[in-house]
């Protein structure tokens, strides 16, 4: 009986990233301050990107890597815009 180590590692990492997403969602909902919620949202984008990459490897599909790139870019722009809004009160000068 052989064990496919890559499949096992991907399944374990899917579980770990899913648990991290659940914890980030929890912090996003009950965060005591706006900064905690902003950091939770940024970490949630990072975990979603990791989840999409892992699923792309698990399902042997290359289209998920492009989707992960889009999620990462959206996460960066939204985090930067929200941080600027919370510090100055406006996004564009």
Protein backbone atom coordinates (compact mmCIF):
# COMPACT_ATOMS: atom_id res chain seq x y z
CA UNK A 1 0.00 0.00 0.00
CA UNK A 2 1.55 3.26 -1.11
CA UNK A 3 0.76 6.65 0.29
CA UNK A 4 0.54 9.63 -2.02
CA UNK A 5 2.44 12.10 0.14
CA UNK A 6 1.59 15.13 -1.99
CA UNK A 7 -2.14 14.50 -1.70
CA UNK A 8 -1.82 13.98 2.03
CA UNK A 9 0.19 17.18 2.45
CA UNK A 10 -2.32 19.15 0.37
CA UNK A 11 -5.25 17.82 2.41
CA UNK A 12 -3.53 18.74 5.68
CA UNK A 13 -2.71 22.21 4.38
CA UNK A 14 -6.31 22.66 3.17
CA UNK A 15 -7.50 21.94 6.69
CA UNK A 16 -4.95 24.29 8.26
CA UNK A 17 -5.72 27.17 5.89
CA UNK A 18 -9.46 26.63 6.32
CA UNK A 19 -9.02 26.82 10.10
CA UNK A 20 -6.97 30.01 9.69
CA UNK A 21 -9.74 31.49 7.53
CA UNK A 22 -12.28 30.66 10.23
CA UNK A 23 -10.14 32.36 12.88
CA UNK A 24 -9.65 35.45 10.69
CA UNK A 25 -13.38 35.65 10.07
CA UNK A 26 -13.98 35.43 13.80
CA UNK A 27 -11.53 38.30 14.46
CA UNK A 28 -13.09 40.30 11.63
CA UNK A 29 -16.53 39.99 13.19
CA UNK A 30 -15.68 40.57 16.86
CA UNK A 31 -12.49 42.65 16.60
CA UNK A 32 -12.33 45.17 19.44
CA UNK A 33 -10.95 47.93 17.20
CA UNK A 34 -10.94 48.99 13.59
CA UNK A 35 -7.22 48.21 13.28
CA UNK A 36 -7.82 44.62 14.42
CA UNK A 37 -10.55 44.25 11.83
CA UNK A 38 -8.35 45.71 9.10
CA UNK A 39 -5.51 43.32 9.93
CA UNK A 40 -7.95 40.42 10.01
CA UNK A 41 -9.23 41.40 6.57
CA UNK A 42 -5.70 41.59 5.20
CA UNK A 43 -4.85 38.19 6.67
CA UNK A 44 -8.10 36.82 5.30
CA UNK A 45 -7.09 37.89 1.80
CA UNK A 46 -3.71 36.22 2.29
CA UNK A 47 -5.32 33.00 3.48
CA UNK A 48 -7.82 33.05 0.61
CA UNK A 49 -4.93 33.39 -1.84
CA UNK A 50 -3.17 30.43 -0.22
CA UNK A 51 -6.38 28.39 -0.31
CA UNK A 52 -6.88 29.05 -4.01
CA UNK A 53 -3.27 28.06 -4.79
CA UNK A 54 -3.60 24.86 -2.76
CA UNK A 55 -6.87 23.98 -4.49
CA UNK A 56 -5.24 24.61 -7.87
CA UNK A 57 -2.50 22.15 -6.97
CA UNK A 58 -4.98 19.63 -5.59
CA UNK A 59 -7.25 19.73 -8.66
CA UNK A 60 -4.36 20.00 -11.17
CA UNK A 61 -5.69 23.16 -12.77
CA UNK A 62 -3.68 26.21 -13.79
CA UNK A 63 -6.61 28.65 -13.91
CA UNK A 64 -6.64 28.87 -10.10
CA UNK A 65 -3.20 30.49 -10.07
CA UNK A 66 -4.55 33.40 -12.10
CA UNK A 67 -7.49 33.67 -9.73
CA UNK A 68 -5.09 33.71 -6.79
CA UNK A 69 -3.16 36.55 -8.39
CA UNK A 70 -6.37 38.56 -8.80
CA UNK A 71 -7.36 37.96 -5.18
CA UNK A 72 -3.89 39.01 -3.99
CA UNK A 73 -4.01 42.23 -6.02
CA UNK A 74 -7.53 43.01 -4.80
CA UNK A 75 -6.43 42.36 -1.22
CA UNK A 76 -3.44 44.68 -1.50
CA UNK A 77 -5.42 47.54 -3.04
CA UNK A 78 -8.33 47.24 -0.62
CA UNK A 79 -6.07 47.08 2.41
CA UNK A 80 -4.12 50.12 1.29
CA UNK A 81 -7.33 52.05 0.54
CA UNK A 82 -8.94 51.14 3.87
CA UNK A 83 -5.80 52.00 5.82
CA UNK A 84 -5.63 55.39 4.14
CA UNK A 85 -9.33 55.99 4.76
CA UNK A 86 -9.05 55.11 8.45
CA UNK A 87 -5.98 57.31 8.96
CA UNK A 88 -6.91 60.41 6.93
CA UNK A 89 -10.66 60.14 6.41
CA UNK A 90 -10.45 60.11 2.59
CA UNK A 91 -8.84 57.90 -0.04
CA UNK A 92 -7.97 60.31 -2.84
CA UNK A 93 -6.50 63.77 -2.18
